[in-house]
Amino acid sequence: MTASSTTVLAAAGGAGDHRTLIVTLFSVFVAVTLGITVWAGRQTKDATDFYAGGRSFTAFQNGLAISGDYMSAASFLGIAGAISLFGYDGFLYSIGFLVAWLVALLLVAEPLRNSGRFTMADVLAYRLKQRPVRTAAGTSTIVVSIFYLLAQMIGAGALVSLLLGASGEGSRRWIIVLVGLVMVLYVTIGGMKGTTWVQIVKAVLLILGTLLITFLVLTKFDWNVSTLLGRAAEESGKGRAFLEPGLQYGKDGTSKLNFVSLGIALVLGTAGLPHILIRFYTVPTAKAARKSVNWAIGIIGTFYLMTIALGFGAAALVGSKAITASDPSGNTAAPLLAQEVGGGSGSTGGAILLAVISAVAFATILAVVAGLTLASSASFAHDLWANVIRKGRTSEKEEVLTAKCAAVVIGGVAIGLSIFAHRLNAAAVVALAFAVAASANLPTILYSLFWKRFTTRGALWSIYGGLVSSVTLVIFSPVVSGNPKALFPGMSFDYFPLGNPGLVSIPLGFLLGWAGSLLSAPAPDQEQKYAELEVRSLTGYGAH
């Protein structure tokens, strides 16, 4: 298939004569997930149900749900797009996202499940001053979640625009608004139970869909990966450089540093992501939390191996020109590949596979944004409202109602920011969320769990320092201004040269936590509190 014919395909959004079939299949998938949400919402009785799904999920179920939470639009759309445009360098995202789970498994999953109740702040507040620490942790959770939400909304805008054949920024903005409204419905109606079941269903569908595309791609090349890679390099227009390091990150010293910064953010960020951390509270025991991470690693690892076929298959069969014509950042590479291996533009098979894969991708987006919105709204209601503003004088019913109201507000903020961010690659925006999480949340969690001398001042310096430094560096980076693909392409205040702040902000978060603790006096009962937390985190004694 020629690049010019595929460009026409991309612009058309996938064969107008099959548009009714595409929209019908797509609508069925969305209706089913909404039905699951409504059903689960009826099972939600109290705060434990709303925040933690009643702690009723098995390790395997939670492993699937974690996979569903993690294999987001950035994974399915953004990574496939990055590989299809940048080859070897794009595959860094797959490796980084997968390796990150070892940090979560070895350092965070079990101690966090034993030590907290609903949120990250529960762990910190156990041995530190409750009100200032909960305020800082709640603020950080909301900021990280909004960054991550941006990536999902970007993917949704690109995906639905492709499906409906919509062109222009106006159409994409309305699509983002509609996605945001559905997202709020998922959280306010279903809570954690609804979100978890949607994530389980979506994870199964995503793995099956990816397996199908991988099978069809490899079949086209007689199961010869070398032939696939050779065709991908040829169609990319970059030749052998497409299969070697450096196409995106090896041009000069700055891009090499950006590569290191991105790698650090990807590997360390997962263990600080709020919507992943709250998943550890949905299982009954710490042992189940650890097993669920083992299941997640296996499922996620299988998926990321298949992104090789998605990305290089899109480069070989669709072509980089057609991919960028549909979406400059490559976010529609996987759906376009599905249509091509299904029979091509105008074929019934192509239309069906495009609809199915797009519906799965959209369910992916809805499930992830629901998880993110739930994490941030739960943090606001449980940490900021119940324990800081109301000082514990609140009922569970009031707390859950506050969480639902917060979901509406946070969803509105995410919609507003996403309208301007649609030019960015979804995987790149998620990497920014990872950097913020690793800068603000991870140092505080690790210090609180494993360092006896850690103080409230250290926690505040670490969270606010990591948060402010990472967000400030992002604002003054090439992601926001100074180039055609930036958030504000017409402006130029990109004084920080790296596209990801992790290389600077993550060490700074750890350093500030260490310095703040040494420059403040420990609390009188600090050793006793740490000993109690240590026993609880290692044995599960007293865990909720």
Protein backbone atom coordinates (compact mmCIF):
# COMPACT_ATOMS: atom_id res chain seq x y z
CA MET A 1 0.00 0.00 0.00
CA THR A 2 1.44 3.38 -0.99
CA ALA A 3 1.90 6.25 1.41
CA SER A 4 -0.36 8.52 -0.66
CA SER A 5 -3.28 6.09 -0.59
CA THR A 6 -2.85 5.61 3.12
CA THR A 7 -2.88 9.35 3.65
CA VAL A 8 -6.27 9.44 2.00
CA LEU A 9 -7.33 6.64 4.34
CA ALA A 10 -6.17 8.58 7.36
CA ALA A 11 -7.94 11.70 6.33
CA ALA A 12 -11.13 9.83 5.68
CA GLY A 13 -11.00 8.24 9.08
CA GLY A 14 -11.53 4.77 7.72
CA ALA A 15 -13.89 4.33 4.78
CA GLY A 16 -17.01 6.42 4.86
CA ASP A 17 -19.14 3.64 3.41
CA HIS A 18 -18.51 1.61 6.57
CA ARG A 19 -18.95 4.53 8.98
CA THR A 20 -22.28 3.20 10.32
CA LEU A 21 -20.74 -0.20 11.10
CA ILE A 22 -17.76 1.43 12.79
CA VAL A 23 -19.86 3.74 14.97
CA THR A 24 -22.29 0.93 15.89
CA LEU A 25 -19.54 -1.45 17.08
CA PHE A 26 -17.83 1.38 18.88
CA SER A 27 -21.07 2.39 20.65
CA VAL A 28 -21.73 -1.19 21.78
CA PHE A 29 -18.34 -1.36 23.54
CA VAL A 30 -18.93 1.96 25.31
CA ALA A 31 -22.49 0.96 26.31
CA VAL A 32 -21.27 -2.32 27.82
CA THR A 33 -18.63 -0.59 29.96
CA LEU A 34 -21.16 1.99 31.14
CA GLY A 35 -23.53 -0.86 32.03
CA ILE A 36 -20.81 -2.46 34.14
CA THR A 37 -20.27 0.87 35.89
CA VAL A 38 -23.96 1.26 36.73
CA TRP A 39 -24.12 -2.33 38.03
CA ALA A 40 -21.05 -1.83 40.23
CA GLY A 41 -22.37 1.51 41.46
CA ARG A 42 -25.34 -0.30 43.01
CA GLN A 43 -22.92 -2.45 45.02
CA THR A 44 -21.15 0.59 46.49
CA LYS A 45 -22.40 1.13 50.05
CA ASP A 46 -19.71 3.02 51.99
CA ALA A 47 -16.31 4.76 51.73
CA THR A 48 -14.38 1.48 51.67
CA ASP A 49 -16.45 0.36 48.69
CA PHE A 50 -16.03 3.71 46.90
CA TYR A 51 -12.29 4.13 47.53
CA ALA A 52 -11.05 0.53 47.69
CA GLY A 53 -13.78 -1.63 46.15
CA GLY A 54 -14.52 -3.17 49.55
CA ARG A 55 -11.02 -4.78 49.46
CA SER A 56 -12.80 -7.70 47.80
CA PHE A 57 -10.68 -8.33 44.70
CA THR A 58 -8.36 -11.32 44.32
CA ALA A 59 -4.69 -11.00 43.41
CA PHE A 60 -5.37 -12.08 39.82
CA GLN A 61 -8.31 -9.69 39.44
CA ASN A 62 -6.26 -6.83 40.85
CA GLY A 63 -3.33 -7.78 38.62
CA LEU A 64 -5.62 -7.48 35.60
CA ALA A 65 -6.99 -4.19 36.91
CA ILE A 66 -3.48 -2.82 37.50
CA SER A 67 -2.60 -3.85 33.95
CA GLY A 68 -5.74 -2.12 32.74
CA ASP A 69 -4.79 1.00 34.67
CA TYR A 70 -1.22 0.95 33.39
CA MET A 71 -1.74 -0.02 29.75
CA SER A 72 -3.20 3.36 28.97
CA ALA A 73 -3.62 5.45 25.85
CA ALA A 74 0.08 6.23 26.18
CA SER A 75 0.89 2.54 25.93
CA PHE A 76 -1.46 1.50 23.18
CA LEU A 77 -1.54 4.67 21.10
CA GLY A 78 1.45 6.75 22.17
CA ILE A 79 4.12 4.04 22.25
CA ALA A 80 2.98 2.50 18.97
CA GLY A 81 3.11 5.98 17.45
CA ALA A 82 6.54 6.76 18.91
CA ILE A 83 8.00 3.49 17.58
CA SER A 84 6.40 4.00 14.16
CA LEU A 85 8.00 7.46 13.85
CA PHE A 86 11.30 7.05 15.71
CA GLY A 87 12.01 3.31 15.60
CA TYR A 88 14.51 2.14 18.21
CA ASP A 89 14.26 5.32 20.29
CA GLY A 90 10.48 4.99 20.51
CA PHE A 91 10.86 1.52 22.02
CA LEU A 92 12.51 3.12 25.08
CA TYR A 93 9.02 3.81 26.43
CA SER A 94 8.12 0.11 26.38
CA ILE A 95 11.30 -0.89 28.21
CA GLY A 96 11.05 1.93 30.77
CA PHE A 97 7.40 1.33 31.61
CA LEU A 98 8.03 -2.40 32.14
CA VAL A 99 11.23 -2.13 34.22
CA ALA A 100 9.47 0.41 36.45
CA TRP A 101 7.34 -2.38 37.91
CA LEU A 102 10.36 -3.94 39.59
CA VAL A 103 10.72 -0.80 41.71
CA ALA A 104 7.03 -0.92 42.60
CA LEU A 105 7.20 -4.63 43.46
CA LEU A 106 10.41 -4.62 45.49
CA LEU A 107 10.04 -1.35 47.40
CA VAL A 108 6.45 -0.15 47.54
CA ALA A 109 3.58 -2.64 47.00
CA GLU A 110 3.59 -4.70 50.20
CA PRO A 111 4.70 -2.03 52.73
CA LEU A 112 2.22 0.48 51.32
CA ARG A 113 -0.69 -1.97 51.51
CA ASN A 114 0.16 -2.76 55.12
CA SER A 115 0.67 0.83 56.22
CA GLY A 116 -2.19 2.79 54.65
CA ARG A 117 -5.94 2.80 54.36
CA PHE A 118 -7.02 4.56 51.17
CA THR A 119 -4.30 6.97 49.97
CA MET A 120 -0.56 7.61 49.99
CA ALA A 121 -1.06 10.30 52.64
CA ASP A 122 -2.34 7.68 55.12
CA VAL A 123 1.17 6.22 55.21
CA LEU A 124 2.89 9.57 55.67
CA ALA A 125 0.45 10.81 58.31
CA TYR A 126 1.04 7.74 60.49
CA ARG A 127 4.37 9.04 61.79
CA LEU A 128 4.40 12.70 60.68
CA LYS A 129 2.20 15.73 61.41
CA GLN A 130 -1.10 14.93 59.81
CA ARG A 131 -2.51 18.21 58.46
CA PRO A 132 0.55 19.65 56.63
CA VAL A 133 1.57 16.26 55.23
CA ARG A 134 -1.94 15.42 53.98
CA THR A 135 -2.20 18.85 52.36
CA ALA A 136 1.08 18.35 50.52
CA ALA A 137 0.31 14.76 49.49
CA GLY A 138 -3.20 15.67 48.33
CA THR A 139 -1.90 18.55 46.23
CA SER A 140 0.77 16.36 44.64
CA THR A 141 -1.73 13.58 43.88
CA ILE A 142 -4.07 15.98 42.09
CA VAL A 143 -1.28 17.57 40.00
CA VAL A 144 0.19 14.20 38.92
CA SER A 145 -3.27 12.88 38.06
CA ILE A 146 -4.07 15.91 35.91
CA PHE A 147 -0.81 15.48 33.95
CA TYR A 148 -1.68 11.82 33.34
CA LEU A 149 -5.26 12.73 32.43
CA LEU A 150 -3.95 15.04 29.70
CA ALA A 151 -2.33 12.11 27.91
CA GLN A 152 -5.52 10.06 27.95
CA MET A 153 -7.64 12.93 26.66
CA ILE A 154 -5.13 13.60 23.87
CA GLY A 155 -5.36 9.96 22.82
CA ALA A 156 -9.15 10.06 22.96
CA GLY A 157 -9.32 13.16 20.78
CA ALA A 158 -7.05 11.65 18.12
CA LEU A 159 -8.82 8.28 18.19
CA VAL A 160 -12.43 9.44 17.95
CA SER A 161 -11.52 12.06 15.34
CA LEU A 162 -10.08 9.25 13.20
CA LEU A 163 -13.17 7.09 13.70
CA LEU A 164 -15.68 9.81 12.87
CA GLY A 165 -13.62 11.32 10.07
CA ALA A 166 -13.61 14.62 11.98
CA SER A 167 -10.95 17.14 11.02
CA GLY A 168 -9.91 20.43 12.51
CA GLU A 169 -9.17 21.56 16.05
CA GLY A 170 -12.80 22.47 16.77
CA SER A 171 -14.04 18.91 16.25
CA ARG A 172 -11.28 17.45 18.38
CA ARG A 173 -12.03 19.85 21.21
CA TRP A 174 -15.69 18.83 21.32
CA ILE A 175 -14.64 15.18 21.34
CA ILE A 176 -12.35 15.83 24.33
CA VAL A 177 -15.24 17.50 26.17
CA LEU A 178 -17.52 14.49 25.56
CA VAL A 179 -14.82 12.05 26.72
CA GLY A 180 -14.37 14.11 29.88
CA LEU A 181 -18.09 13.98 30.65
CA VAL A 182 -18.21 10.19 30.26
CA MET A 183 -15.13 9.95 32.49
CA VAL A 184 -16.89 11.84 35.28
CA LEU A 185 -19.90 9.53 34.95
CA TYR A 186 -17.68 6.45 35.43
CA VAL A 187 -16.29 7.76 38.72
CA THR A 188 -19.38 9.32 40.26
CA ILE A 189 -21.57 6.30 39.49
CA GLY A 190 -19.25 3.31 39.83
CA GLY A 191 -16.54 4.29 42.31
CA MET A 192 -13.63 1.87 42.69
CA LYS A 193 -15.75 -1.23 42.09
CA GLY A 194 -17.04 0.03 38.76
CA THR A 195 -13.63 1.35 37.74
CA THR A 196 -11.91 -1.93 38.64
CA TRP A 197 -14.32 -4.14 36.69
CA VAL A 198 -14.08 -1.88 33.66
CA GLN A 199 -10.28 -2.08 33.90
CA ILE A 200 -10.40 -5.88 34.11
CA VAL A 201 -12.64 -6.17 31.05
CA LYS A 202 -10.57 -3.62 29.19
CA ALA A 203 -7.26 -5.36 30.01
CA VAL A 204 -8.56 -8.67 28.64
CA LEU A 205 -9.88 -6.99 25.48
CA LEU A 206 -6.68 -5.00 24.98
CA ILE A 207 -4.46 -8.07 25.26
CA LEU A 208 -6.70 -10.04 22.87
CA GLY A 209 -6.84 -7.16 20.40
CA THR A 210 -3.09 -6.65 20.50
CA LEU A 211 -2.50 -10.38 20.07
CA LEU A 212 -4.74 -10.37 17.00
CA ILE A 213 -2.94 -7.43 15.37
CA THR A 214 0.46 -8.93 16.21
CA PHE A 215 -0.59 -12.25 14.66
CA LEU A 216 -1.85 -10.56 11.49
CA VAL A 217 1.25 -8.35 11.16
CA LEU A 218 3.68 -11.26 11.58
CA THR A 219 1.61 -13.36 9.17
CA LYS A 220 2.04 -10.69 6.49
CA PHE A 221 5.82 -11.05 6.86
CA ASP A 222 5.82 -14.87 7.12
CA TRP A 223 6.77 -14.61 10.80
CA ASN A 224 10.15 -13.16 9.85
CA VAL A 225 10.86 -10.29 12.24
CA SER A 226 13.95 -9.30 10.25
CA THR A 227 11.83 -8.75 7.15
CA LEU A 228 9.35 -6.69 9.19
CA LEU A 229 12.10 -4.46 10.58
CA GLY A 230 13.69 -4.06 7.16
CA ARG A 231 10.41 -2.96 5.58
CA ALA A 232 9.75 -0.60 8.50
CA ALA A 233 13.15 1.05 8.02
CA GLU A 234 12.54 1.36 4.29
CA GLU A 235 9.06 2.88 4.63
CA SER A 236 10.15 5.24 7.41
CA GLY A 237 12.36 7.20 5.04
CA LYS A 238 15.19 7.06 7.61
CA GLY A 239 16.89 3.88 6.38
CA ARG A 240 19.12 1.95 8.76
CA ALA A 241 19.08 4.84 11.27
CA PHE A 242 15.47 3.89 12.06
CA LEU A 243 16.67 0.67 13.70
CA GLU A 244 19.57 2.23 15.61
CA PRO A 245 19.74 4.44 18.72
CA GLY A 246 19.89 8.18 18.23
CA LEU A 247 17.14 9.05 15.76
CA GLN A 248 15.27 11.06 18.39
CA TYR A 249 17.69 11.26 21.31
CA GLY A 250 21.19 11.07 19.87
CA LYS A 251 21.57 14.19 17.74
CA ASP A 252 23.53 16.22 20.30
CA GLY A 253 24.46 16.39 23.98
CA THR A 254 21.13 17.90 24.97
CA SER A 255 19.08 15.13 23.35
CA LYS A 256 21.29 12.49 25.00
CA LEU A 257 20.67 14.08 28.40
CA ASN A 258 16.98 14.13 27.57
CA PHE A 259 17.21 10.39 26.91
CA VAL A 260 18.73 9.80 30.36
CA SER A 261 16.15 12.08 31.98
CA LEU A 262 13.29 10.24 30.30
CA GLY A 263 14.69 6.84 31.31
CA ILE A 264 15.02 7.85 34.98
CA ALA A 265 11.46 9.23 35.01
CA LEU A 266 10.00 6.09 33.43
CA VAL A 267 11.78 3.66 35.76
CA LEU A 268 11.09 5.55 39.02
CA GLY A 269 7.72 7.12 38.23
CA THR A 270 5.41 4.10 38.51
CA ALA A 271 6.02 3.64 42.24
CA GLY A 272 4.77 7.19 42.83
CA LEU A 273 1.68 7.23 40.59
CA PRO A 274 -1.45 7.84 42.72
CA HIS A 275 -3.84 5.75 40.61
CA ILE A 276 -1.44 2.78 40.81
CA LEU A 277 -0.81 3.18 44.56
CA ILE A 278 -4.52 3.09 45.45
CA ARG A 279 -4.86 -0.24 43.62
CA PHE A 280 -2.84 -1.91 46.39
CA TYR A 281 -5.70 -1.15 48.83
CA THR A 282 -8.34 -3.07 46.82
CA VAL A 283 -7.04 -6.50 47.91
CA PRO A 284 -7.56 -8.03 51.39
CA THR A 285 -3.91 -8.63 52.32
CA ALA A 286 -0.37 -7.49 51.57
CA LYS A 287 0.41 -10.93 50.17
CA ALA A 288 -2.38 -10.45 47.64
CA ALA A 289 -0.97 -6.99 46.80
CA ARG A 290 2.44 -8.53 46.07
CA LYS A 291 0.90 -11.33 43.98
CA SER A 292 -1.20 -8.84 42.04
CA VAL A 293 1.98 -6.98 41.06
CA ASN A 294 3.51 -10.29 39.90
CA TRP A 295 0.46 -10.91 37.70
CA ALA A 296 0.65 -7.33 36.41
CA ILE A 297 4.32 -7.68 35.47
CA GLY A 298 3.57 -10.80 33.41
CA ILE A 299 0.56 -9.29 31.64
CA ILE A 300 2.19 -5.91 31.04
CA GLY A 301 5.44 -7.52 29.89
CA THR A 302 3.58 -9.57 27.29
CA PHE A 303 1.80 -6.47 26.06
CA TYR A 304 4.96 -4.35 25.74
CA LEU A 305 6.69 -7.09 23.76
CA MET A 306 3.83 -6.87 21.28
CA THR A 307 4.27 -3.10 20.91
CA ILE A 308 7.24 -4.02 18.71
CA ALA A 309 4.80 -5.48 16.18
CA LEU A 310 2.41 -2.55 16.61
CA GLY A 311 5.01 0.17 16.13
CA PHE A 312 7.23 -1.38 13.48
CA GLY A 313 4.20 -2.94 11.78
CA ALA A 314 2.61 0.52 11.46
CA ALA A 315 5.84 1.92 10.05
CA ALA A 316 6.08 -0.93 7.52
CA LEU A 317 2.46 -1.24 6.41
CA VAL A 318 1.00 2.24 6.92
CA GLY A 319 4.07 4.45 6.53
CA SER A 320 5.27 7.42 8.57
CA LYS A 321 3.86 9.99 6.14
CA ALA A 322 0.35 8.60 6.44
CA ILE A 323 0.64 8.32 10.22
CA THR A 324 1.74 11.93 10.65
CA ALA A 325 -0.92 13.07 8.17
CA SER A 326 -3.56 11.55 10.45
CA ASP A 327 -1.93 12.77 13.68
CA PRO A 328 1.43 14.62 13.77
CA SER A 329 2.45 12.89 17.01
CA GLY A 330 1.61 9.39 15.75
CA ASN A 331 -1.21 8.66 18.21
CA THR A 332 -3.37 6.97 15.54
CA ALA A 333 -0.71 4.52 14.30
CA ALA A 334 -2.25 1.45 16.00
CA PRO A 335 -5.84 1.98 14.72
CA LEU A 336 -4.54 2.69 11.21
CA LEU A 337 -2.49 -0.51 11.37
CA ALA A 338 -5.58 -2.45 12.50
CA GLN A 339 -7.50 -1.20 9.47
CA GLU A 340 -4.63 -2.09 7.13
CA VAL A 341 -4.12 -5.66 8.36
CA GLY A 342 -7.89 -6.17 8.40
CA GLY A 343 -8.11 -5.66 4.66
CA GLY A 344 -7.36 -2.02 4.06
CA SER A 345 -9.41 1.09 3.44
CA GLY A 346 -12.90 0.41 2.10
CA SER A 347 -12.96 -3.27 3.10
CA THR A 348 -15.47 -4.69 5.58
CA GLY A 349 -12.68 -6.51 7.45
CA GLY A 350 -10.67 -3.32 7.74
CA ALA A 351 -13.69 -1.39 9.01
CA ILE A 352 -14.55 -4.07 11.59
CA LEU A 353 -11.00 -4.37 12.92
CA LEU A 354 -10.61 -0.58 13.01
CA ALA A 355 -13.86 -0.31 14.98
CA VAL A 356 -12.97 -3.11 17.40
CA ILE A 357 -9.42 -1.89 18.09
CA SER A 358 -10.57 1.72 18.39
CA ALA A 359 -13.34 0.71 20.76
CA VAL A 360 -10.85 -1.23 22.89
CA ALA A 361 -8.50 1.77 22.86
CA PHE A 362 -11.37 4.05 23.85
CA ALA A 363 -12.39 1.68 26.66
CA THR A 364 -8.71 1.82 27.68
CA ILE A 365 -8.86 5.58 27.87
CA LEU A 366 -12.13 5.65 29.80
CA ALA A 367 -10.91 3.07 32.33
CA VAL A 368 -7.63 4.87 32.93
CA VAL A 369 -9.15 8.34 33.22
CA ALA A 370 -11.71 6.92 35.64
CA GLY A 371 -8.90 5.48 37.77
CA LEU A 372 -6.98 8.75 37.70
CA THR A 373 -10.01 10.85 38.51
CA LEU A 374 -10.92 8.48 41.34
CA ALA A 375 -7.39 8.69 42.80
CA SER A 376 -7.32 12.49 42.75
CA SER A 377 -10.91 12.97 43.96
CA ALA A 378 -10.37 10.40 46.74
CA SER A 379 -7.24 12.23 47.84
CA PHE A 380 -9.11 15.53 47.93
CA ALA A 381 -12.07 14.10 49.87
CA HIS A 382 -10.15 11.82 52.25
CA ASP A 383 -6.98 13.84 52.80
CA LEU A 384 -7.85 17.50 52.23
CA TRP A 385 -11.56 17.68 53.06
CA ALA A 386 -12.05 15.06 55.80
CA ASN A 387 -8.72 15.33 57.61
CA VAL A 388 -7.47 18.88 56.94
CA ILE A 389 -10.50 21.10 56.37
CA ARG A 390 -13.02 19.20 58.52
CA LYS A 391 -10.36 17.84 60.94
CA GLY A 392 -11.95 14.39 61.07
CA ARG A 393 -15.44 15.66 61.85
CA THR A 394 -17.16 14.19 58.83
CA SER A 395 -19.27 11.16 57.97
CA GLU A 396 -18.44 8.57 55.30
CA LYS A 397 -21.49 9.70 53.32
CA GLU A 398 -20.28 13.30 53.28
CA GLU A 399 -16.78 12.18 52.32
CA VAL A 400 -17.99 10.12 49.35
CA LEU A 401 -20.24 12.99 48.18
CA THR A 402 -17.25 15.33 48.37
CA ALA A 403 -15.19 12.89 46.29
CA LYS A 404 -17.89 12.83 43.61
CA CYS A 405 -18.03 16.64 43.50
CA ALA A 406 -14.22 16.77 43.31
CA ALA A 407 -14.33 14.35 40.36
CA VAL A 408 -16.50 16.80 38.46
CA VAL A 409 -14.13 19.72 39.13
CA ILE A 410 -10.94 17.76 38.36
CA GLY A 411 -12.55 16.42 35.19
CA GLY A 412 -13.34 19.99 34.15
CA VAL A 413 -9.75 21.11 34.70
CA ALA A 414 -8.43 18.13 32.69
CA ILE A 415 -10.83 18.90 29.83
CA GLY A 416 -9.78 22.56 29.77
CA LEU A 417 -6.05 21.78 29.64
CA SER A 418 -6.48 18.93 27.13
CA ILE A 419 -8.10 21.25 24.61
CA PHE A 420 -4.74 22.99 24.19
CA ALA A 421 -2.51 19.89 24.46
CA HIS A 422 -3.78 17.81 21.53
CA ARG A 423 -0.59 18.35 19.46
CA LEU A 424 1.53 16.39 21.94
CA ASN A 425 2.35 12.66 21.86
CA ALA A 426 0.39 10.80 24.56
CA ALA A 427 3.41 8.76 25.70
CA ALA A 428 5.53 11.90 26.06
CA VAL A 429 2.91 13.57 28.26
CA VAL A 430 2.65 10.46 30.46
CA ALA A 431 6.43 10.56 30.84
CA LEU A 432 6.02 14.07 32.30
CA ALA A 433 3.49 12.67 34.82
CA PHE A 434 6.01 9.97 35.72
CA ALA A 435 8.67 12.62 36.30
CA VAL A 436 6.42 14.65 38.60
CA ALA A 437 5.39 11.52 40.53
CA ALA A 438 9.00 10.37 40.91
CA SER A 439 10.09 13.85 42.02
CA ALA A 440 7.36 14.60 44.57
CA ASN A 441 5.83 11.30 45.73
CA LEU A 442 8.48 8.58 45.53
CA PRO A 443 11.16 10.21 47.77
CA THR A 444 8.59 10.88 50.49
CA ILE A 445 7.16 7.34 50.37
CA LEU A 446 10.60 5.67 50.53
CA TYR A 447 11.92 7.98 53.26
CA SER A 448 8.78 7.48 55.33
CA LEU A 449 8.91 3.69 55.04
CA PHE A 450 12.66 3.13 55.40
CA TRP A 451 14.36 6.13 57.15
CA LYS A 452 13.94 6.59 60.89
CA ARG A 453 15.26 10.20 60.88
CA PHE A 454 12.65 11.44 58.34
CA THR A 455 10.65 14.41 59.64
CA THR A 456 7.58 16.42 58.68
CA ARG A 457 9.75 19.24 57.33
CA GLY A 458 11.62 16.73 55.17
CA ALA A 459 8.32 15.45 53.77
CA LEU A 460 7.08 18.96 52.97
CA TRP A 461 10.36 20.02 51.37
CA SER A 462 10.47 16.82 49.33
CA ILE A 463 6.88 16.95 48.09
CA TYR A 464 6.64 20.68 47.40
CA GLY A 465 10.23 20.94 46.17
CA GLY A 466 9.89 18.00 43.78
CA LEU A 467 6.46 19.18 42.65
CA VAL A 468 7.35 22.82 42.06
CA SER A 469 10.71 22.08 40.41
CA SER A 470 9.32 19.46 38.03
CA VAL A 471 6.26 21.50 37.02
CA THR A 472 8.33 24.69 36.63
CA LEU A 473 10.89 22.93 34.44
CA VAL A 474 8.08 21.49 32.30
CA ILE A 475 6.59 24.99 31.86
CA PHE A 476 9.91 26.33 30.63
CA SER A 477 10.71 23.27 28.48
CA PRO A 478 10.28 22.61 24.72
CA VAL A 479 7.09 20.70 25.57
CA VAL A 480 5.24 23.96 26.27
CA SER A 481 6.78 26.42 23.81
CA GLY A 482 9.45 27.00 21.18
CA ASN A 483 8.53 24.46 18.48
CA PRO A 484 5.57 23.58 16.20
CA LYS A 485 4.52 20.56 18.31
CA ALA A 486 4.58 22.43 21.63
CA LEU A 487 1.57 23.29 23.75
CA PHE A 488 1.87 26.93 22.68
CA PRO A 489 3.72 26.79 19.34
CA GLY A 490 3.56 30.53 18.75
CA MET A 491 5.44 31.42 21.93
CA SER A 492 9.06 30.90 22.96
CA PHE A 493 10.07 30.64 26.61
CA ASP A 494 11.76 27.22 26.48
CA TYR A 495 14.71 28.17 28.72
CA PHE A 496 15.10 24.61 30.08
CA PRO A 497 16.47 22.53 27.19
CA LEU A 498 15.24 19.06 28.21
CA GLY A 499 11.79 17.76 27.32
CA ASN A 500 11.60 15.79 30.58
CA PRO A 501 12.62 17.31 33.95
CA GLY A 502 13.41 14.01 35.73
CA LEU A 503 17.21 14.34 35.55
CA VAL A 504 17.04 17.50 37.69
CA SER A 505 13.81 17.29 39.69
CA ILE A 506 14.02 13.67 40.91
CA PRO A 507 17.45 13.99 42.62
CA LEU A 508 16.29 17.37 43.93
CA GLY A 509 13.21 15.78 45.54
CA PHE A 510 15.39 13.21 47.33
CA LEU A 511 17.96 15.86 48.33
CA LEU A 512 15.34 18.23 49.77
CA GLY A 513 13.74 15.42 51.79
CA TRP A 514 17.15 14.54 53.25
CA ALA A 515 18.14 18.16 53.95
CA GLY A 516 14.77 19.13 55.45
CA SER A 517 14.93 16.19 57.84
CA LEU A 518 18.48 16.94 59.01
CA LEU A 519 17.68 20.62 59.50
CA SER A 520 14.66 19.96 61.73
CA ALA A 521 14.37 18.42 65.17
CA PRO A 522 12.81 14.96 65.30
CA ALA A 523 9.51 14.56 67.14
CA PRO A 524 9.74 13.19 70.71
CA ASP A 525 7.99 9.96 69.74
CA GLN A 526 9.70 9.64 66.35
CA GLU A 527 11.59 6.43 67.10
CA GLN A 528 8.53 4.75 68.58
CA LYS A 529 6.33 5.78 65.64
CA TYR A 530 8.90 4.53 63.14
CA ALA A 531 9.22 1.20 64.97
CA GLU A 532 5.44 0.78 64.91
CA LEU A 533 5.28 1.64 61.19
CA GLU A 534 8.16 -0.72 60.43
CA VAL A 535 6.45 -3.65 62.15
CA ARG A 536 3.16 -2.83 60.46
CA SER A 537 4.69 -2.44 56.99
CA LEU A 538 6.66 -5.69 57.20
CA THR A 539 4.15 -7.93 58.97
CA GLY A 540 0.75 -6.42 58.18
CA TYR A 541 -0.13 -6.25 61.87
CA GLY A 542 -2.90 -3.69 62.30
CA ALA A 543 -3.39 -3.24 58.55
CA HIS A 544 -6.87 -2.32 57.32
